[in-house]
Protein backbone atom coordinates (compact mmCIF):
# COMPACT_ATOMS: atom_id res chain seq x y z
CA MET A 1 107.91 -26.29 -30.61
CA ARG A 2 105.42 -25.77 -27.82
CA ARG A 3 101.99 -27.33 -28.39
CA ALA A 4 99.09 -24.90 -27.98
CA LEU A 5 96.32 -27.54 -28.06
CA VAL A 6 95.47 -30.33 -25.65
CA ALA A 7 97.12 -33.53 -26.87
CA GLY A 8 94.06 -35.77 -26.87
CA LEU A 9 92.01 -33.35 -29.00
CA ALA A 10 94.10 -33.39 -32.18
CA THR A 11 91.33 -34.96 -34.24
CA ILE A 12 88.74 -32.45 -33.04
CA LEU A 13 90.88 -29.33 -33.32
CA SER A 14 93.20 -30.23 -36.16
CA ALA A 15 92.13 -27.11 -38.08
CA MET A 16 93.17 -24.79 -35.23
CA ILE A 17 96.95 -25.09 -35.03
CA VAL A 18 98.54 -22.16 -33.24
CA THR A 19 101.11 -20.17 -35.19
CA PRO A 20 103.26 -17.91 -33.02
CA ASP A 21 104.26 -14.32 -33.74
CA THR A 22 102.94 -14.04 -37.29
CA GLY A 23 99.29 -13.74 -36.29
CA ASN A 24 98.34 -16.43 -38.78
CA ALA A 25 96.54 -19.73 -38.27
CA SER A 26 95.21 -22.39 -40.55
CA SER A 27 91.64 -21.86 -39.32
CA SER A 28 89.11 -19.29 -40.47
CA THR A 29 89.96 -17.25 -37.38
CA SER A 30 92.77 -15.65 -39.41
CA HIS A 31 90.01 -13.38 -40.79
CA ASP A 32 88.69 -12.56 -37.34
CA LEU A 33 87.77 -8.87 -37.15
CA GLN A 34 88.95 -8.82 -33.54
CA LEU A 35 92.57 -9.53 -34.44
CA ILE A 36 94.87 -6.72 -33.36
CA ARG A 37 95.90 -5.99 -36.94
CA ASN A 38 92.23 -5.55 -37.94
CA GLN A 39 91.45 -2.86 -35.37
CA ASP A 40 90.61 0.71 -36.38
CA PRO A 41 93.62 1.92 -38.45
CA THR A 42 93.50 5.38 -36.89
CA LEU A 43 93.59 3.85 -33.44
CA LEU A 44 96.48 1.55 -34.34
CA ALA A 45 98.41 4.50 -35.77
CA ALA A 46 97.94 6.41 -32.51
CA MET A 47 99.09 3.37 -30.53
CA ALA A 48 102.18 3.10 -32.76
CA ARG A 49 103.04 6.74 -32.03
CA GLN A 50 102.74 6.02 -28.31
CA GLU A 51 104.94 2.97 -28.70
CA ALA A 52 107.69 5.28 -29.97
CA LEU A 53 107.27 7.41 -26.82
CA HIS A 54 107.38 4.40 -24.50
CA PRO A 55 111.17 4.27 -23.89
CA SER A 56 111.10 7.90 -22.75
CA ALA A 57 108.11 7.27 -20.48
CA GLU A 58 109.78 4.21 -18.96
CA ILE A 59 112.86 6.24 -18.00
CA LEU A 60 110.65 8.77 -16.24
CA LEU A 61 108.44 6.15 -14.60
CA GLY A 62 111.45 4.22 -13.38
CA ALA A 63 112.81 7.36 -11.72
CA ALA A 64 109.39 8.11 -10.21
CA MET A 65 109.22 4.63 -8.66
CA ARG A 66 112.54 5.27 -6.88
CA LEU A 67 111.56 8.63 -5.42
CA PRO A 68 110.69 8.86 -1.71
CA SER A 69 106.99 8.67 -0.91
CA ASP A 70 106.87 12.35 0.08
CA SER A 71 108.30 13.64 -3.20
CA GLY A 72 106.44 16.13 -5.37
CA TYR A 73 105.75 13.58 -8.11
CA ALA A 74 102.14 13.59 -9.33
CA GLY A 75 101.98 11.66 -12.59
CA ILE A 76 103.12 11.05 -16.16
CA ALA A 77 100.96 11.30 -19.28
CA TYR A 78 101.12 11.07 -23.06
CA GLU A 79 100.14 14.54 -24.29
CA ALA A 80 100.56 16.42 -27.60
CA ASP A 81 102.76 13.70 -29.18
CA GLY A 82 105.15 13.82 -26.22
CA VAL A 83 105.46 12.87 -22.57
CA THR A 84 104.41 15.17 -19.72
CA VAL A 85 105.68 14.99 -16.14
CA TYR A 86 103.43 16.55 -13.48
CA TYR A 87 105.41 17.56 -10.41
CA LYS A 88 104.85 19.78 -7.38
CA GLY A 89 107.81 21.97 -6.49
CA THR A 90 111.37 21.60 -7.71
CA LEU A 91 112.25 18.36 -9.47
CA ALA A 92 114.23 15.94 -7.35
CA ASP A 93 117.75 15.44 -8.70
CA GLU A 94 116.99 11.91 -9.90
CA MET A 95 113.85 13.05 -11.71
CA ALA A 96 115.67 16.01 -13.27
CA GLU A 97 118.35 13.65 -14.59
CA ALA A 98 115.65 11.32 -15.94
CA VAL A 99 113.95 14.20 -17.75
CA ALA A 100 117.25 15.18 -19.38
CA THR A 101 117.87 11.60 -20.49
CA ALA A 102 114.32 11.03 -21.72
CA ARG A 103 114.46 14.17 -23.87
CA HIS A 104 117.06 12.48 -26.04
CA ILE A 105 114.31 10.03 -27.10
CA ALA A 106 111.10 12.08 -27.20
CA PRO A 107 109.73 15.53 -26.30
CA VAL A 108 109.28 15.83 -22.52
CA THR A 109 107.35 18.65 -20.83
CA VAL A 110 107.36 19.34 -17.10
CA LYS A 111 104.15 20.89 -15.73
CA VAL A 112 103.47 22.18 -12.24
CA ALA A 113 101.11 20.06 -10.15
CA ALA A 114 99.00 21.62 -7.40
CA TYR A 115 99.35 18.51 -5.23
CA SER A 116 101.70 15.56 -5.17
CA HIS A 117 100.54 11.99 -5.60
CA ALA A 118 101.38 11.35 -1.94
CA GLU A 119 99.16 14.21 -0.76
CA LEU A 120 96.26 13.04 -2.89
CA ALA A 121 96.72 9.42 -1.78
CA ALA A 122 96.52 10.52 1.86
CA ALA A 123 93.25 12.36 1.17
CA GLN A 124 91.93 9.36 -0.75
CA ALA A 125 92.64 7.10 2.24
CA VAL A 126 90.69 9.41 4.57
CA LEU A 127 87.68 9.43 2.26
CA ALA A 128 87.91 5.66 1.70
CA SER A 129 87.79 5.08 5.46
CA ALA A 130 84.55 7.04 5.62
CA VAL A 131 83.08 4.96 2.79
CA ALA A 132 84.08 1.72 4.52
CA ALA A 133 82.57 2.88 7.82
CA GLY A 134 79.07 3.40 6.47
CA HIS A 135 76.72 3.31 3.49
CA VAL A 136 78.06 6.25 1.48
CA ASP A 137 76.84 6.50 -2.13
CA ILE A 138 80.39 6.35 -3.53
CA GLN A 139 81.54 3.53 -5.78
CA ALA A 140 85.00 4.82 -6.78
CA ILE A 141 87.65 7.33 -5.71
CA GLY A 142 90.46 8.25 -8.08
CA ILE A 143 93.65 10.30 -7.92
CA ARG A 144 94.12 12.73 -10.80
CA GLY A 145 97.47 12.18 -12.47
CA ASP A 146 97.96 15.89 -13.09
CA GLY A 147 97.93 16.50 -9.34
CA SER A 148 94.81 18.66 -9.43
CA GLY A 149 92.73 16.67 -6.91
CA LEU A 150 90.50 13.64 -6.41
CA GLU A 151 87.71 12.26 -8.56
CA VAL A 152 84.69 10.70 -6.84
CA GLU A 153 82.15 8.59 -8.69
CA ARG A 154 78.76 8.19 -7.02
CA ILE A 155 76.57 5.14 -7.52
CA PRO A 156 74.01 5.41 -10.35
CA ALA A 157 70.64 6.98 -9.60
CA ALA A 158 68.93 3.62 -10.21
CA THR A 159 71.16 1.92 -7.64
CA ARG A 160 70.49 4.70 -5.13
CA ALA A 161 66.74 4.27 -5.68
CA GLN A 162 67.10 0.51 -5.14
CA TRP A 163 68.97 1.11 -1.89
CA ASP A 164 66.20 3.48 -0.77
CA ARG A 165 63.53 0.84 -1.51
CA GLN A 166 65.52 -1.65 0.53
CA GLY A 167 65.55 0.74 3.46
CA ARG A 168 69.33 1.19 3.45
CA ALA A 169 70.40 4.32 5.29
CA THR A 170 72.65 5.99 2.73
CA THR A 171 74.84 9.03 3.29
CA ASP A 172 75.27 11.47 0.42
CA ALA A 173 78.82 11.75 -0.95
CA THR A 174 78.82 15.54 -0.93
CA THR A 175 77.82 15.58 2.74
CA VAL A 176 80.67 13.24 3.70
CA ILE A 177 83.21 15.20 1.65
CA ALA A 178 82.13 18.47 3.24
CA GLU A 179 82.33 17.03 6.77
CA LEU A 180 85.83 15.63 6.20
CA ARG A 181 87.18 19.06 5.16
CA LEU A 182 89.74 17.48 2.88
CA ALA A 183 92.71 19.66 1.99
CA VAL A 184 92.45 18.85 -1.73
CA PRO A 185 89.77 19.56 -4.37
CA VAL A 186 87.25 16.79 -5.01
CA SER A 187 85.14 16.56 -8.17
CA VAL A 188 81.98 14.46 -7.95
CA THR A 189 80.16 12.75 -10.82
CA THR A 190 77.31 10.23 -10.88
CA ALA A 191 77.95 6.97 -12.70
CA THR A 192 75.58 5.67 -15.36
CA ALA A 193 76.15 2.04 -14.30
CA PRO A 194 77.32 0.19 -11.18
CA ILE A 195 80.75 -1.38 -10.95
CA THR A 196 80.64 -5.14 -11.50
CA ARG A 197 83.51 -7.59 -11.46
CA THR A 198 83.99 -9.23 -14.87
CA SER A 199 83.82 -12.74 -13.42
CA SER A 200 83.79 -15.34 -16.25
CA ARG A 201 90.09 -19.55 -25.60
CA GLU A 202 89.14 -22.82 -24.40
CA ASN A 203 91.69 -25.54 -25.30
CA ASP A 204 95.19 -24.64 -24.19
CA SER A 205 97.99 -26.70 -22.66
CA PRO A 206 100.90 -25.99 -20.32
CA PRO A 207 102.80 -23.74 -20.22
CA TRP A 208 99.66 -21.62 -20.38
CA ASN A 209 98.93 -18.63 -22.63
CA GLY A 210 97.28 -15.43 -21.42
CA GLY A 211 93.70 -14.79 -22.50
CA GLY A 212 92.55 -18.41 -22.12
CA TYR A 213 89.28 -19.57 -20.58
CA PHE A 214 89.44 -21.28 -17.20
CA GLU A 215 87.07 -22.42 -14.46
CA SER A 216 87.81 -22.56 -10.74
CA TYR A 217 86.40 -25.34 -8.57
CA ARG A 218 86.32 -26.16 -4.89
CA GLY A 219 85.86 -29.89 -4.92
CA TYR A 220 82.89 -30.41 -7.25
CA GLU A 221 81.53 -26.92 -6.69
CA LYS A 222 82.15 -24.51 -9.56
CA ARG A 223 83.28 -21.09 -8.37
CA MET A 224 83.99 -18.87 -11.39
CA ASN A 225 84.58 -18.59 -15.15
CA CYS A 226 87.60 -16.36 -15.75
CA THR A 227 90.53 -15.60 -18.03
CA THR A 228 94.20 -16.41 -17.66
CA GLY A 229 96.49 -13.41 -17.47
CA PHE A 230 100.11 -13.05 -18.46
CA GLY A 231 102.64 -15.71 -17.69
CA VAL A 232 104.92 -14.20 -15.03
CA PHE A 233 108.18 -14.98 -13.28
CA ARG A 234 108.48 -14.88 -9.51
CA GLY A 235 112.02 -15.80 -8.74
CA SER A 236 113.08 -18.51 -11.18
CA GLN A 237 109.61 -20.08 -11.47
CA SER A 238 106.82 -19.06 -13.86
CA TYR A 239 103.16 -18.73 -12.85
CA VAL A 240 99.85 -17.61 -14.38
CA LEU A 241 98.51 -14.21 -13.36
CA THR A 242 94.77 -13.63 -12.96
CA ALA A 243 92.23 -11.73 -10.82
CA ALA A 244 92.02 -12.66 -7.14
CA HIS A 245 88.21 -12.68 -7.13
CA CYS A 246 88.31 -15.60 -9.60
CA MET A 247 89.42 -18.09 -6.96
CA THR A 248 90.78 -18.46 -3.45
CA ALA A 249 92.50 -21.33 -1.67
CA PRO A 250 91.72 -24.24 -1.76
CA ASP A 251 90.18 -23.69 -5.24
CA ILE A 252 91.73 -25.37 -8.28
CA ALA A 253 91.89 -23.80 -11.77
CA TYR A 254 91.01 -25.89 -14.84
CA ASN A 255 91.49 -24.80 -18.44
CA GLY A 256 88.35 -25.29 -20.53
CA HIS A 257 84.94 -26.58 -19.51
CA VAL A 258 85.15 -29.15 -16.72
CA PHE A 259 81.76 -30.64 -17.56
CA GLY A 260 82.22 -30.22 -21.31
CA CYS A 261 84.39 -32.01 -23.80
CA CYS A 262 87.73 -30.48 -23.01
CA TYR A 263 89.52 -29.55 -19.84
CA GLU A 264 92.85 -29.88 -18.07
CA GLN A 265 93.86 -29.09 -14.52
CA MET A 266 96.08 -26.01 -14.24
CA GLY A 267 96.76 -25.71 -10.53
CA PRO A 268 95.84 -24.16 -7.17
CA VAL A 269 96.36 -20.67 -5.76
CA TYR A 270 100.04 -19.88 -5.19
CA VAL A 271 99.80 -16.35 -3.76
CA GLU A 272 97.27 -13.52 -3.86
CA ASP A 273 96.67 -9.89 -2.94
CA TRP A 274 92.90 -9.67 -2.70
CA ARG A 275 92.83 -5.94 -2.01
CA ARG A 276 94.51 -5.34 -5.37
CA ASP A 277 92.55 -8.20 -6.97
CA ILE A 278 95.59 -10.07 -8.27
CA LEU A 279 96.56 -13.71 -7.87
CA LEU A 280 99.10 -16.22 -9.15
CA ILE A 281 97.94 -19.69 -10.16
CA ASN A 282 100.55 -22.36 -9.40
CA ALA A 283 100.84 -23.34 -13.04
CA ARG A 284 103.51 -22.61 -15.59
CA GLY A 285 102.88 -19.49 -17.69
CA PHE A 286 104.16 -18.74 -21.20
CA TYR A 287 105.02 -15.56 -23.12
CA TRP A 288 102.09 -15.70 -25.54
CA ILE A 289 98.60 -14.28 -25.26
CA PHE A 290 95.60 -15.09 -27.43
CA ASP A 291 94.66 -12.68 -30.21
CA GLY A 292 91.28 -12.39 -31.97
CA GLY A 293 87.82 -13.45 -30.82
CA PRO A 294 86.68 -15.90 -28.12
CA SER A 295 87.23 -18.95 -30.33
CA SER A 296 90.59 -17.85 -31.76
CA SER A 297 93.71 -20.00 -31.56
CA ILE A 298 96.03 -17.24 -32.82
CA THR A 299 98.65 -15.88 -30.42
CA LYS A 300 100.87 -12.84 -30.03
CA THR A 301 104.23 -12.73 -28.28
CA VAL A 302 104.76 -10.69 -25.11
CA HIS A 303 107.94 -8.76 -25.83
CA SER A 304 108.03 -6.41 -22.83
CA TRP A 305 106.11 -4.92 -19.93
CA GLY A 306 105.59 -1.38 -18.64
CA TYR A 307 104.03 0.86 -16.01
CA ARG A 308 100.88 2.96 -16.25
CA VAL A 309 100.87 6.16 -18.35
CA THR A 310 97.92 8.57 -18.51
CA ASN A 311 96.21 8.81 -21.94
CA GLU A 312 97.78 5.54 -23.13
CA LEU A 313 95.70 3.50 -25.57
CA LEU A 314 95.40 -0.13 -24.49
CA CYS A 315 93.80 -3.40 -25.58
CA THR A 316 92.44 -6.34 -23.59
CA SER A 317 92.17 -10.04 -24.35
CA GLY A 318 89.27 -11.64 -22.48
CA ALA A 319 88.11 -15.22 -22.90
CA ALA A 320 84.51 -14.06 -23.30
CA SER A 321 85.02 -10.86 -25.30
CA GLY A 322 88.19 -11.57 -27.26
CA VAL A 323 90.46 -8.65 -28.14
CA VAL A 324 89.04 -5.17 -27.55
CA CYS A 325 91.20 -2.10 -28.30
CA GLY A 326 90.86 1.62 -27.68
CA ASP A 327 90.82 1.65 -23.87
CA LYS A 328 92.37 5.03 -22.95
CA THR A 329 93.84 5.31 -19.47
CA GLN A 330 92.35 8.10 -17.40
CA SER A 331 94.18 10.73 -15.43
CA GLY A 332 96.40 9.26 -12.76
CA GLY A 333 95.34 5.98 -11.31
CA ASP A 334 95.20 4.39 -7.88
CA TRP A 335 91.41 4.25 -7.93
CA MET A 336 89.63 2.64 -5.01
CA ILE A 337 86.37 0.97 -6.02
CA PHE A 338 83.56 -0.30 -3.83
CA GLY A 339 80.60 -2.54 -4.53
CA CYS A 340 78.64 -5.69 -3.75
CA ASP A 341 78.03 -8.69 -6.00
CA SER A 342 74.78 -10.57 -6.61
CA ASP A 343 75.41 -12.77 -3.56
CA GLY A 344 75.61 -9.73 -1.31
CA ASP A 345 79.37 -10.05 -0.83
CA CYS A 346 80.83 -6.54 -0.69
CA PHE A 347 84.31 -5.65 -1.88
CA THR A 348 86.88 -2.90 -1.88
CA MET A 349 89.65 -2.91 -4.49
CA SER A 350 92.65 -0.62 -4.16
CA ASN A 351 95.27 0.88 -6.47
CA MET A 352 93.21 0.21 -9.59
CA ALA A 353 93.75 1.94 -12.94
CA LYS A 354 90.81 3.13 -15.05
CA ALA A 355 90.37 3.29 -18.82
CA ILE A 356 87.50 4.44 -21.06
CA ASN A 357 87.03 3.01 -24.55
CA VAL A 358 87.38 5.83 -27.07
CA ASN A 359 85.14 4.07 -29.62
CA GLY A 360 82.31 3.28 -27.20
CA LEU A 361 83.01 -0.47 -27.36
CA THR A 362 82.09 -2.86 -24.55
CA VAL A 363 85.33 -3.26 -22.59
CA GLY A 364 84.50 -6.51 -20.80
CA VAL A 365 81.82 -8.96 -19.73
CA LYS A 366 81.52 -11.82 -17.27
CA GLY A 367 84.29 -14.27 -17.96
CA ASP A 368 86.94 -11.67 -18.86
CA SER A 369 88.32 -11.13 -15.35
CA GLY A 370 92.03 -11.77 -15.06
CA GLY A 371 92.66 -11.26 -18.77
CA PRO A 372 95.68 -9.40 -20.17
CA VAL A 373 95.73 -5.61 -20.59
CA PHE A 374 98.36 -4.58 -23.11
CA SER A 375 99.78 -2.04 -25.56
CA LEU A 376 101.62 -2.77 -28.80
CA ASP A 377 105.30 -3.65 -29.06
CA ARG A 378 106.60 -4.31 -32.60
CA ASP A 379 104.84 -7.45 -33.90
CA GLY A 380 103.71 -8.39 -30.40
CA VAL A 381 102.50 -6.78 -27.20
CA ARG A 382 103.66 -5.02 -24.04
CA ALA A 383 102.09 -6.28 -20.80
CA LYS A 384 100.35 -3.50 -18.90
CA GLY A 385 98.01 -5.16 -16.40
CA THR A 386 95.12 -7.47 -15.53
CA MET A 387 91.37 -6.99 -16.09
CA SER A 388 89.30 -6.72 -12.94
CA ALA A 389 85.96 -4.87 -13.22
CA VAL A 390 83.77 -2.73 -15.45
CA SER A 391 81.33 0.12 -14.99
CA GLY A 392 78.72 0.11 -17.72
CA ALA A 393 79.91 -0.83 -21.19
CA THR A 394 82.89 1.44 -21.74
CA ALA A 395 84.71 1.88 -18.39
CA LEU A 396 87.38 -0.66 -17.46
CA TYR A 397 89.11 -1.03 -14.10
CA TYR A 398 92.33 -3.01 -14.17
CA GLN A 399 95.35 -3.65 -11.98
CA ASP A 400 98.48 -2.22 -13.56
CA MET A 401 101.99 -3.58 -13.62
CA ASP A 402 103.10 -0.97 -11.09
CA ASP A 403 101.26 -2.82 -8.33
CA ILE A 404 101.56 -6.34 -9.72
CA VAL A 405 105.34 -6.05 -9.61
CA SER A 406 105.51 -4.32 -6.22
CA SER A 407 102.85 -6.46 -4.50
CA LEU A 408 103.47 -9.95 -5.88
CA GLY A 409 107.09 -9.57 -6.91
CA ALA A 410 106.10 -10.99 -10.30
CA THR A 411 107.22 -9.73 -13.71
CA PRO A 412 105.75 -10.81 -17.06
CA ARG A 413 107.51 -13.56 -18.96
CA THR A 414 108.82 -12.09 -22.24
CA ALA A 415 110.55 -13.25 -25.39
């Protein structure tokens, strides 16, 4: 059986033996309130109902992925205990066949979309170019999954005031939108908090679990504290998924605290897509993720993986926060987010998904970046993405499996 603890630490961690699948361990962490099974019962019941809808949604999403880029497809959502397809115009033959098949599993409703995803993505790209060209007070642009238009999130008033004090010439979002004369509706809201990347359990061993703590170093210089994501296959080899802002070549990832009691080298960067904030560490990844709080040694098995669905209830497993559930995906996806970190390095992230915690819980803190985003699948989990950034306490931005698979050619390792 695979060891989940570093070999030389048996005497220190003898009370924390990992037990797969069952969610039990011989340590006191078996009573951890952050364990998946100890989440809000109402929330878990809703997630179980969505799990039953998942096979139907996957049929529809698979068909949508094969459609030409100029199709009328707009999005797919969980609504009214069923699955809804938003589509502009007449359903393509492949999508019509998928709807017929999916209806054998769960109720499927087709609703008319005003705009296709392709039309909205084109408008998003135009607006994003304007943001990149100057200091526009926009920190995120999203595509509505019902095909109704774009969502723009302005920087918080406090951030705008700070920019003004710094003498930064800032262009108002509404002015830019009006000048561009976009052919789609744009709704504008002002954020309550800026977007920050969630940059930072502690004694794992290869092949590596998702949700573990790691540090990246360039020589002796520490770069980041982050979280391991799902183990994935690319070709016949397994790797560890994480966020691209956690490290870049020639950085090396180490599990645990390098200048503490316990650490082990994982490996260097294998491949990355920095615009989508995803990266593979050249280290072997496993099909378990950590459950419970930051000190937990309990694991859950990754049984499957799936694409993004609007209104889906998700959980995350961050090394700093532990398991947090109740993150509800927002309409559509493919958000573009913009910001600058404390060092003044500015970033643009593309094709991000957004979720809001329905219970007002803090969705992530520094140290959680790269951690698994998942839904439930039987006694284990379904891989849905990788943590990337937060806005305030309750808004999570993550990269979904749609883009992880298409960009990196990597699929989660499952059992």
